[in-house]
N, C-alpha and C. Protein backbone atom coordinates (compact mmCIF):
# COMPACT_ATOMS: atom_id res chain seq x y z
N MET A 1 -14.27 23.60 77.64
CA MET A 1 -14.12 24.98 77.24
C MET A 1 -13.67 25.06 75.78
N LEU A 2 -12.67 24.26 75.42
CA LEU A 2 -12.17 24.27 74.04
C LEU A 2 -13.27 23.89 73.06
N LEU A 3 -14.07 22.89 73.40
CA LEU A 3 -15.15 22.45 72.52
C LEU A 3 -16.19 23.55 72.36
N ALA A 4 -16.50 24.26 73.43
CA ALA A 4 -17.50 25.33 73.36
C ALA A 4 -17.03 26.47 72.47
N VAL A 5 -15.77 26.85 72.61
CA VAL A 5 -15.22 27.94 71.81
C VAL A 5 -15.06 27.52 70.35
N SER A 6 -14.75 26.27 70.12
CA SER A 6 -14.48 25.76 68.78
C SER A 6 -15.72 25.26 68.04
N ALA A 7 -16.84 25.16 68.72
CA ALA A 7 -18.05 24.55 68.14
C ALA A 7 -18.45 25.11 66.78
N PRO A 8 -18.46 26.44 66.57
CA PRO A 8 -18.88 26.94 65.25
C PRO A 8 -17.99 26.43 64.11
N VAL A 9 -16.70 26.32 64.34
CA VAL A 9 -15.79 25.83 63.31
C VAL A 9 -15.88 24.32 63.19
N LEU A 10 -15.98 23.63 64.33
CA LEU A 10 -16.05 22.17 64.32
C LEU A 10 -17.24 21.64 63.54
N ARG A 11 -18.34 22.38 63.55
CA ARG A 11 -19.53 21.93 62.82
C ARG A 11 -19.26 21.79 61.32
N ARG A 12 -18.32 22.58 60.81
CA ARG A 12 -18.03 22.57 59.38
C ARG A 12 -16.89 21.63 59.00
N LEU A 13 -16.24 21.03 59.99
CA LEU A 13 -15.13 20.13 59.71
C LEU A 13 -15.61 18.68 59.69
N ARG A 14 -14.76 17.80 59.22
CA ARG A 14 -15.08 16.37 59.16
C ARG A 14 -14.99 15.76 60.56
N GLY A 15 -16.14 15.48 61.12
CA GLY A 15 -16.20 14.95 62.48
C GLY A 15 -15.55 13.60 62.62
N VAL A 16 -15.69 12.75 61.62
CA VAL A 16 -15.12 11.40 61.69
C VAL A 16 -13.60 11.48 61.75
N ALA A 17 -13.01 12.36 60.97
CA ALA A 17 -11.55 12.50 60.96
C ALA A 17 -11.05 13.02 62.31
N ILE A 18 -11.75 13.98 62.88
CA ILE A 18 -11.34 14.52 64.17
C ILE A 18 -11.51 13.46 65.26
N LEU A 19 -12.61 12.75 65.24
CA LEU A 19 -12.83 11.69 66.22
C LEU A 19 -11.77 10.59 66.11
N ALA A 20 -11.43 10.21 64.88
CA ALA A 20 -10.39 9.20 64.68
C ALA A 20 -9.05 9.69 65.21
N THR A 21 -8.76 10.97 65.00
CA THR A 21 -7.51 11.55 65.50
C THR A 21 -7.50 11.57 67.02
N VAL A 22 -8.61 11.94 67.63
CA VAL A 22 -8.71 11.94 69.09
C VAL A 22 -8.45 10.53 69.63
N LEU A 23 -9.10 9.55 69.04
CA LEU A 23 -8.93 8.17 69.50
C LEU A 23 -7.49 7.69 69.34
N LEU A 24 -6.88 7.98 68.18
CA LEU A 24 -5.50 7.57 67.95
C LEU A 24 -4.55 8.23 68.94
N LEU A 25 -4.70 9.54 69.15
CA LEU A 25 -3.82 10.23 70.10
C LEU A 25 -4.04 9.74 71.53
N CYS A 26 -5.25 9.39 71.87
CA CYS A 26 -5.50 8.86 73.22
C CYS A 26 -4.88 7.48 73.40
N VAL A 27 -4.94 6.64 72.38
CA VAL A 27 -4.30 5.33 72.45
C VAL A 27 -2.78 5.51 72.59
N LEU A 28 -2.21 6.37 71.77
CA LEU A 28 -0.77 6.62 71.86
C LEU A 28 -0.38 7.19 73.22
N THR A 29 -1.20 8.09 73.73
CA THR A 29 -0.94 8.67 75.05
C THR A 29 -0.98 7.58 76.12
N ALA A 30 -1.98 6.72 76.05
CA ALA A 30 -2.09 5.64 77.05
C ALA A 30 -0.87 4.73 77.00
N VAL A 31 -0.46 4.36 75.81
CA VAL A 31 0.67 3.43 75.67
C VAL A 31 1.97 4.09 76.12
N PHE A 32 2.30 5.24 75.54
CA PHE A 32 3.61 5.83 75.81
C PHE A 32 3.69 6.47 77.19
N ASP A 33 2.63 7.06 77.68
CA ASP A 33 2.68 7.60 79.04
C ASP A 33 2.84 6.48 80.06
N THR A 34 2.14 5.38 79.83
CA THR A 34 2.29 4.24 80.74
C THR A 34 3.73 3.74 80.76
N ILE A 35 4.34 3.64 79.59
CA ILE A 35 5.74 3.20 79.51
C ILE A 35 6.65 4.19 80.23
N MET A 36 6.47 5.49 79.95
CA MET A 36 7.34 6.50 80.57
C MET A 36 7.18 6.55 82.09
N ILE A 37 5.96 6.34 82.57
CA ILE A 37 5.74 6.31 84.02
C ILE A 37 6.37 5.05 84.61
N ASP A 38 6.20 3.91 83.93
CA ASP A 38 6.75 2.64 84.43
C ASP A 38 8.28 2.66 84.53
N VAL A 39 8.95 3.32 83.57
CA VAL A 39 10.41 3.34 83.62
C VAL A 39 10.95 4.48 84.48
N GLY A 40 10.05 5.28 85.04
CA GLY A 40 10.46 6.32 85.98
C GLY A 40 10.86 7.65 85.37
N LEU A 41 10.49 7.90 84.12
CA LEU A 41 10.83 9.19 83.53
C LEU A 41 10.11 10.35 84.23
N TYR A 42 8.91 10.09 84.68
CA TYR A 42 8.20 11.07 85.48
C TYR A 42 7.15 10.38 86.32
N GLU A 43 6.70 11.10 87.33
CA GLU A 43 5.67 10.56 88.20
C GLU A 43 4.73 11.69 88.60
N PHE A 44 3.56 11.32 89.07
CA PHE A 44 2.55 12.30 89.43
C PHE A 44 2.31 12.27 90.93
N ASP A 45 2.14 13.44 91.51
CA ASP A 45 1.80 13.54 92.92
C ASP A 45 0.34 13.10 93.07
N PRO A 46 0.10 12.03 93.82
CA PRO A 46 -1.28 11.52 93.96
C PRO A 46 -2.26 12.56 94.50
N ALA A 47 -1.76 13.54 95.23
CA ALA A 47 -2.65 14.58 95.77
C ALA A 47 -3.10 15.57 94.70
N LYS A 48 -2.43 15.55 93.55
CA LYS A 48 -2.74 16.54 92.51
C LYS A 48 -3.42 15.95 91.29
N ILE A 49 -3.78 14.68 91.34
CA ILE A 49 -4.50 14.06 90.23
C ILE A 49 -5.78 13.43 90.75
N LEU A 50 -6.68 13.13 89.84
CA LEU A 50 -7.97 12.53 90.24
C LEU A 50 -7.82 11.12 90.76
N GLY A 51 -6.81 10.42 90.29
CA GLY A 51 -6.60 9.04 90.72
C GLY A 51 -7.15 8.02 89.74
N LEU A 52 -7.82 8.50 88.68
CA LEU A 52 -8.30 7.60 87.64
C LEU A 52 -7.21 7.41 86.60
N HIS A 53 -7.01 6.16 86.20
CA HIS A 53 -5.96 5.85 85.24
C HIS A 53 -6.50 5.02 84.08
N VAL A 54 -5.94 5.24 82.91
CA VAL A 54 -6.17 4.37 81.75
C VAL A 54 -4.85 3.66 81.55
N TRP A 55 -4.86 2.36 81.75
CA TRP A 55 -3.65 1.57 81.91
C TRP A 55 -2.86 2.22 83.02
N GLY A 56 -1.73 2.79 82.76
CA GLY A 56 -0.97 3.43 83.83
C GLY A 56 -0.96 4.94 83.75
N ALA A 57 -1.68 5.51 82.79
CA ALA A 57 -1.65 6.96 82.58
C ALA A 57 -2.84 7.64 83.26
N PRO A 58 -2.58 8.69 84.03
CA PRO A 58 -3.69 9.41 84.66
C PRO A 58 -4.58 10.06 83.59
N VAL A 59 -5.87 10.14 83.87
CA VAL A 59 -6.80 10.68 82.88
C VAL A 59 -6.45 12.13 82.51
N GLU A 60 -5.80 12.86 83.39
CA GLU A 60 -5.42 14.24 83.09
C GLU A 60 -4.47 14.33 81.90
N ASP A 61 -3.68 13.29 81.69
CA ASP A 61 -2.74 13.29 80.57
C ASP A 61 -3.45 13.28 79.22
N PHE A 62 -4.68 12.86 79.19
CA PHE A 62 -5.41 12.78 77.92
C PHE A 62 -5.95 14.14 77.48
N ALA A 63 -5.97 15.10 78.37
CA ALA A 63 -6.47 16.43 78.02
C ALA A 63 -5.64 17.05 76.89
N TYR A 64 -4.34 16.89 76.95
CA TYR A 64 -3.48 17.45 75.90
C TYR A 64 -3.76 16.79 74.55
N ALA A 65 -3.91 15.49 74.54
CA ALA A 65 -4.17 14.78 73.28
C ALA A 65 -5.49 15.22 72.67
N ILE A 66 -6.50 15.35 73.50
CA ILE A 66 -7.81 15.79 73.01
C ILE A 66 -7.76 17.23 72.54
N ALA A 67 -7.12 18.08 73.31
CA ALA A 67 -7.00 19.49 72.93
C ALA A 67 -6.23 19.65 71.62
N ALA A 68 -5.19 18.88 71.43
CA ALA A 68 -4.41 18.96 70.19
C ALA A 68 -5.22 18.47 69.00
N ALA A 69 -5.94 17.37 69.18
CA ALA A 69 -6.72 16.79 68.07
C ALA A 69 -7.90 17.67 67.68
N VAL A 70 -8.43 18.42 68.62
CA VAL A 70 -9.55 19.31 68.32
C VAL A 70 -9.05 20.70 67.97
N GLY A 71 -8.12 21.20 68.75
CA GLY A 71 -7.66 22.59 68.58
C GLY A 71 -6.88 22.86 67.32
N MET A 72 -6.02 21.94 66.91
CA MET A 72 -5.20 22.20 65.73
C MET A 72 -6.01 22.33 64.44
N PRO A 73 -6.96 21.44 64.16
CA PRO A 73 -7.77 21.64 62.94
C PRO A 73 -8.58 22.92 62.98
N VAL A 74 -9.08 23.28 64.15
CA VAL A 74 -9.84 24.53 64.28
C VAL A 74 -8.93 25.72 64.01
N LEU A 75 -7.78 25.72 64.64
CA LEU A 75 -6.82 26.82 64.45
C LEU A 75 -6.38 26.91 62.99
N TRP A 76 -6.09 25.79 62.38
CA TRP A 76 -5.68 25.74 60.98
C TRP A 76 -6.78 26.33 60.09
N THR A 77 -8.02 25.96 60.34
CA THR A 77 -9.15 26.44 59.54
C THR A 77 -9.33 27.94 59.70
N VAL A 78 -9.31 28.42 60.92
CA VAL A 78 -9.51 29.84 61.18
C VAL A 78 -8.39 30.67 60.55
N LEU A 79 -7.15 30.25 60.74
CA LEU A 79 -6.03 31.01 60.17
C LEU A 79 -6.02 30.95 58.65
N SER A 80 -6.41 29.82 58.07
CA SER A 80 -6.47 29.71 56.61
C SER A 80 -7.52 30.65 56.04
N ARG A 81 -8.66 30.75 56.71
CA ARG A 81 -9.71 31.66 56.24
C ARG A 81 -9.26 33.11 56.31
N ARG A 82 -8.57 33.47 57.37
CA ARG A 82 -8.05 34.84 57.48
C ARG A 82 -7.06 35.13 56.36
N ARG A 83 -6.18 34.18 56.10
CA ARG A 83 -5.19 34.35 55.04
C ARG A 83 -5.88 34.51 53.69
N GLU A 84 -6.91 33.69 53.44
CA GLU A 84 -7.64 33.77 52.18
C GLU A 84 -8.35 35.12 52.04
N ARG A 85 -8.93 35.63 53.13
CA ARG A 85 -9.59 36.93 53.07
C ARG A 85 -8.58 38.04 52.78
N ARG A 86 -7.42 37.97 53.44
CA ARG A 86 -6.39 38.98 53.18
C ARG A 86 -5.89 38.91 51.75
N ALA A 87 -5.68 37.70 51.25
CA ALA A 87 -5.20 37.52 49.88
C ALA A 87 -6.24 38.04 48.89
N GLY A 88 -7.51 37.79 49.16
CA GLY A 88 -8.58 38.27 48.30
C GLY A 88 -8.68 39.78 48.30
N ARG A 89 -8.45 40.38 49.45
CA ARG A 89 -8.52 41.84 49.59
C ARG A 89 -7.38 42.51 48.84
N THR A 90 -6.18 41.95 48.95
CA THR A 90 -5.03 42.59 48.31
C THR A 90 -5.01 42.34 46.81
N SER A 91 -5.46 41.17 46.37
CA SER A 91 -5.42 40.89 44.94
C SER A 91 -6.52 41.62 44.18
N SER A 92 -7.58 42.05 44.87
CA SER A 92 -8.66 42.75 44.19
C SER A 92 -8.39 44.24 44.11
N GLY A 93 -7.31 44.69 44.73
CA GLY A 93 -6.96 46.10 44.66
C GLY A 93 -7.68 46.95 45.69
N HIS A 94 -8.40 46.34 46.60
CA HIS A 94 -9.14 47.08 47.60
C HIS A 94 -8.37 47.34 48.87
N GLY A 95 -7.21 46.78 48.99
CA GLY A 95 -6.45 46.97 50.22
C GLY A 95 -4.98 46.76 49.97
N THR A 96 -4.19 47.08 50.97
CA THR A 96 -2.75 46.95 50.84
C THR A 96 -2.22 45.72 51.55
N GLY A 97 -3.10 45.01 52.25
CA GLY A 97 -2.65 43.83 52.99
C GLY A 97 -2.27 44.15 54.40
N ASP A 98 -2.14 45.44 54.74
CA ASP A 98 -1.80 45.81 56.10
C ASP A 98 -2.97 46.39 56.87
N GLY A 99 -4.18 46.19 56.34
CA GLY A 99 -5.36 46.66 57.03
C GLY A 99 -5.81 48.05 56.60
N THR A 100 -5.02 48.69 55.74
CA THR A 100 -5.41 50.03 55.27
C THR A 100 -5.90 49.94 53.85
N THR A 101 -6.71 50.90 53.46
CA THR A 101 -7.20 50.95 52.08
C THR A 101 -6.85 52.30 51.49
N HIS A 102 -6.70 52.31 50.19
CA HIS A 102 -6.40 53.55 49.47
C HIS A 102 -7.53 53.83 48.49
N ALA A 103 -7.90 55.09 48.40
CA ALA A 103 -8.97 55.48 47.48
C ALA A 103 -8.44 55.78 46.11
């Protein structure tokens, strides 16, 4: 779902950087989640997970890492563009920055 909603923005971003970030966060997730599960910091109800694991981490744990690696650059890009449009509107004298215009 996140990829579908983010696709228009993702096409304009550096795919290699995002892919590298996804891979790095997934490796970190696998390592640290496995450690945290092994030492008993938390555990998963087997009835509520798929049962597939990467090392000791359930595959569901990787959803957050992937969502963060994809979602944050998209969100940053979208919000930066909005800020730039607002700044351009107010500096050109066509608006007040609050969505209203004066003649």
